[in-house]
Amino acid sequence: MCRSKWIKRLGVWGFLFFLLKGLAWLVVPVLIAKGFLGANS
């Protein structure tokens, strides 16, 4: 029983990690294109 609780918890954290990682892959290039991030700023 204890093992399934850890697997569920790991699954939730894995989902959140990849969700945030995916959002970063979308947000960072947009910020660079708009000039908020980059070598020129």
PDB file of N, CA and C in Angstrom:
ATOM      1  N   MET A   1       0.819  -1.207   0.000  1.00  0.00           N
ATOM      2  CA  MET A   1       0.000   0.000   0.000  1.00  0.00           C
ATOM      3  C   MET A   1       0.858   1.264   0.000  1.00  0.00           C
ATOM      4  N   CYS A   2       1.915   1.237   0.767  1.00  0.00           N
ATOM      5  CA  CYS A   2       2.761   2.422   0.875  1.00  0.00           C
ATOM      6  C   CYS A   2       3.444   2.745  -0.452  1.00  0.00           C
ATOM      7  N   ARG A   3       3.778   1.699  -1.203  1.00  0.00           N
ATOM      8  CA  ARG A   3       4.478   1.901  -2.469  1.00  0.00           C
ATOM      9  C   ARG A   3       3.605   2.640  -3.483  1.00  0.00           C
ATOM     10  N   SER A   4       2.316   2.321  -3.537  1.00  0.00           N
ATOM     11  CA  SER A   4       1.442   2.985  -4.507  1.00  0.00           C
ATOM     12  C   SER A   4       1.279   4.468  -4.180  1.00  0.00           C
ATOM     13  N   LYS A   5       1.331   4.831  -2.897  1.00  0.00           N
ATOM     14  CA  LYS A   5       1.239   6.232  -2.521  1.00  0.00           C
ATOM     15  C   LYS A   5       2.449   7.006  -3.043  1.00  0.00           C
ATOM     16  N   TRP A   6       3.639   6.402  -2.949  1.00  0.00           N
ATOM     17  CA  TRP A   6       4.858   7.042  -3.466  1.00  0.00           C
ATOM     18  C   TRP A   6       4.808   7.172  -4.983  1.00  0.00           C
ATOM     19  N   ILE A   7       4.285   6.157  -5.656  1.00  0.00           N
ATOM     20  CA  ILE A   7       4.193   6.203  -7.119  1.00  0.00           C
ATOM     21  C   ILE A   7       3.243   7.316  -7.549  1.00  0.00           C
ATOM     22  N   LYS A   8       2.117   7.465  -6.851  1.00  0.00           N
ATOM     23  CA  LYS A   8       1.184   8.537  -7.181  1.00  0.00           C
ATOM     24  C   LYS A   8       1.815   9.898  -6.937  1.00  0.00           C
ATOM     25  N   ARG A   9       2.527  10.038  -5.817  1.00  0.00           N
ATOM     26  CA  ARG A   9       3.160  11.313  -5.496  1.00  0.00           C
ATOM     27  C   ARG A   9       4.232  11.645  -6.533  1.00  0.00           C
ATOM     28  N   LEU A  10       5.011  10.645  -6.919  1.00  0.00           N
ATOM     29  CA  LEU A  10       6.036  10.852  -7.943  1.00  0.00           C
ATOM     30  C   LEU A  10       5.401  11.235  -9.274  1.00  0.00           C
ATOM     31  N   GLY A  11       4.268  10.633  -9.579  1.00  0.00           N
ATOM     32  CA  GLY A  11       3.572  10.953 -10.821  1.00  0.00           C
ATOM     33  C   GLY A  11       3.074  12.383 -10.845  1.00  0.00           C
ATOM     34  N   VAL A  12       2.562  12.859  -9.716  1.00  0.00           N
ATOM     35  CA  VAL A  12       2.084  14.238  -9.645  1.00  0.00           C
ATOM     36  C   VAL A  12       3.244  15.203  -9.822  1.00  0.00           C
ATOM     37  N   TRP A  13       4.367  14.954  -9.119  1.00  0.00           N
ATOM     38  CA  TRP A  13       5.526  15.844  -9.234  1.00  0.00           C
ATOM     39  C   TRP A  13       6.130  15.788 -10.630  1.00  0.00           C
ATOM     40  N   GLY A  14       6.133  14.607 -11.240  1.00  0.00           N
ATOM     41  CA  GLY A  14       6.632  14.482 -12.610  1.00  0.00           C
ATOM     42  C   GLY A  14       5.771  15.263 -13.593  1.00  0.00           C
ATOM     43  N   PHE A  15       4.465  15.176 -13.411  1.00  0.00           N
ATOM     44  CA  PHE A  15       3.548  15.925 -14.272  1.00  0.00           C
ATOM     45  C   PHE A  15       3.776  17.421 -14.131  1.00  0.00           C
ATOM     46  N   LEU A  16       3.888  17.898 -12.883  1.00  0.00           N
ATOM     47  CA  LEU A  16       4.100  19.330 -12.669  1.00  0.00           C
ATOM     48  C   LEU A  16       5.429  19.788 -13.249  1.00  0.00           C
ATOM     49  N   PHE A  17       6.470  18.952 -13.089  1.00  0.00           N
ATOM     50  CA  PHE A  17       7.782  19.308 -13.627  1.00  0.00           C
ATOM     51  C   PHE A  17       7.724  19.483 -15.132  1.00  0.00           C
ATOM     52  N   PHE A  18       7.142  18.504 -15.830  1.00  0.00           N
ATOM     53  CA  PHE A  18       7.101  18.587 -17.287  1.00  0.00           C
ATOM     54  C   PHE A  18       6.127  19.656 -17.775  1.00  0.00           C
ATOM     55  N   LEU A  19       5.084  19.943 -17.002  1.00  0.00           N
ATOM     56  CA  LEU A  19       4.188  21.033 -17.355  1.00  0.00           C
ATOM     57  C   LEU A  19       4.926  22.365 -17.296  1.00  0.00           C
ATOM     58  N   LEU A  20       5.659  22.595 -16.206  1.00  0.00           N
ATOM     59  CA  LEU A  20       6.408  23.846 -16.085  1.00  0.00           C
ATOM     60  C   LEU A  20       7.525  23.931 -17.109  1.00  0.00           C
ATOM     61  N   LYS A  21       8.165  22.802 -17.380  1.00  0.00           N
ATOM     62  CA  LYS A  21       9.225  22.783 -18.384  1.00  0.00           C
ATOM     63  C   LYS A  21       8.654  23.123 -19.765  1.00  0.00           C
ATOM     64  N   GLY A  22       7.516  22.558 -20.091  1.00  0.00           N
ATOM     65  CA  GLY A  22       6.877  22.843 -21.371  1.00  0.00           C
ATOM     66  C   GLY A  22       6.455  24.297 -21.486  1.00  0.00           C
ATOM     67  N   LEU A  23       5.927  24.850 -20.392  1.00  0.00           N
ATOM     68  CA  LEU A  23       5.548  26.263 -20.416  1.00  0.00           C
ATOM     69  C   LEU A  23       6.772  27.151 -20.581  1.00  0.00           C
ATOM     70  N   ALA A  24       7.885  26.771 -19.956  1.00  0.00           N
ATOM     71  CA  ALA A  24       9.114  27.556 -20.102  1.00  0.00           C
ATOM     72  C   ALA A  24       9.589  27.532 -21.549  1.00  0.00           C
ATOM     73  N   TRP A  25       9.461  26.377 -22.219  1.00  0.00           N
ATOM     74  CA  TRP A  25       9.860  26.277 -23.626  1.00  0.00           C
ATOM     75  C   TRP A  25       9.006  27.183 -24.506  1.00  0.00           C
ATOM     76  N   LEU A  26       7.790  27.495 -24.073  1.00  0.00           N
ATOM     77  CA  LEU A  26       6.934  28.394 -24.844  1.00  0.00           C
ATOM     78  C   LEU A  26       7.149  29.856 -24.470  1.00  0.00           C
ATOM     79  N   VAL A  27       7.342  30.128 -23.191  1.00  0.00           N
ATOM     80  CA  VAL A  27       7.408  31.507 -22.714  1.00  0.00           C
ATOM     81  C   VAL A  27       8.758  32.151 -23.008  1.00  0.00           C
ATOM     82  N   VAL A  28       9.848  31.435 -22.810  1.00  0.00           N
ATOM     83  CA  VAL A  28      11.181  32.026 -22.971  1.00  0.00           C
ATOM     84  C   VAL A  28      11.427  32.531 -24.400  1.00  0.00           C
ATOM     85  N   PRO A  29      11.128  31.769 -25.450  1.00  0.00           N
ATOM     86  CA  PRO A  29      11.331  32.317 -26.807  1.00  0.00           C
ATOM     87  C   PRO A  29      10.455  33.539 -27.091  1.00  0.00           C
ATOM     88  N   VAL A  30       9.256  33.579 -26.542  1.00  0.00           N
ATOM     89  CA  VAL A  30       8.392  34.749 -26.737  1.00  0.00           C
ATOM     90  C   VAL A  30       9.013  35.970 -26.074  1.00  0.00           C
ATOM     91  N   LEU A  31       9.544  35.799 -24.861  1.00  0.00           N
ATOM     92  CA  LEU A  31      10.178  36.917 -24.169  1.00  0.00           C
ATOM     93  C   LEU A  31      11.428  37.391 -24.911  1.00  0.00           C
ATOM     94  N   ILE A  32      12.175  36.452 -25.462  1.00  0.00           N
ATOM     95  CA  ILE A  32      13.359  36.820 -26.246  1.00  0.00           C
ATOM     96  C   ILE A  32      12.942  37.595 -27.505  1.00  0.00           C
ATOM     97  N   ALA A  33      11.890  37.108 -28.161  1.00  0.00           N
ATOM     98  CA  ALA A  33      11.446  37.759 -29.397  1.00  0.00           C
ATOM     99  C   ALA A  33      10.926  39.174 -29.116  1.00  0.00           C
ATOM    100  N   LYS A  34      10.294  39.372 -27.969  1.00  0.00           N
ATOM    101  CA  LYS A  34       9.783  40.697 -27.637  1.00  0.00           C
ATOM    102  C   LYS A  34      10.850  41.600 -27.040  1.00  0.00           C
ATOM    103  N   GLY A  35      12.021  41.061 -26.755  1.00  0.00           N
ATOM    104  CA  GLY A  35      13.118  41.873 -26.273  1.00  0.00           C
ATOM    105  C   GLY A  35      13.238  41.984 -24.766  1.00  0.00           C
ATOM    106  N   PHE A  36      12.468  41.197 -24.032  1.00  0.00           N
ATOM    107  CA  PHE A  36      12.560  41.237 -22.576  1.00  0.00           C
ATOM    108  C   PHE A  36      13.790  40.496 -22.069  1.00  0.00           C
ATOM    109  N   LEU A  37      14.210  39.476 -22.798  1.00  0.00           N
ATOM    110  CA  LEU A  37      15.395  38.708 -22.442  1.00  0.00           C
ATOM    111  C   LEU A  37      16.370  38.742 -23.611  1.00  0.00           C
ATOM    112  N   GLY A  38      17.638  38.583 -23.308  1.00  0.00           N
ATOM    113  CA  GLY A  38      18.604  38.501 -24.390  1.00  0.00           C
ATOM    114  C   GLY A  38      19.861  39.292 -24.083  1.00  0.00           C
ATOM    115  N   ALA A  39      20.806  39.223 -24.985  1.00  0.00           N
ATOM    116  CA  ALA A  39      22.114  39.863 -24.782  1.00  0.00           C
ATOM    117  C   ALA A  39      22.020  41.385 -24.897  1.00  0.00           C
ATOM    118  N   ASN A  40      21.036  41.891 -25.640  1.00  0.00           N
ATOM    119  CA  ASN A  40      20.950  43.339 -25.861  1.00  0.00           C
ATOM    120  C   ASN A  40      20.372  44.092 -24.679  1.00  0.00           C
ATOM    121  N   SER A  41      19.645  43.380 -23.815  1.00  0.00           N
ATOM    122  CA  SER A  41      18.978  44.065 -22.695  1.00  0.00           C
ATOM    123  C   SER A  41      19.913  44.229 -21.536  1.00  0.00           C
TER     124      SER A  41
END
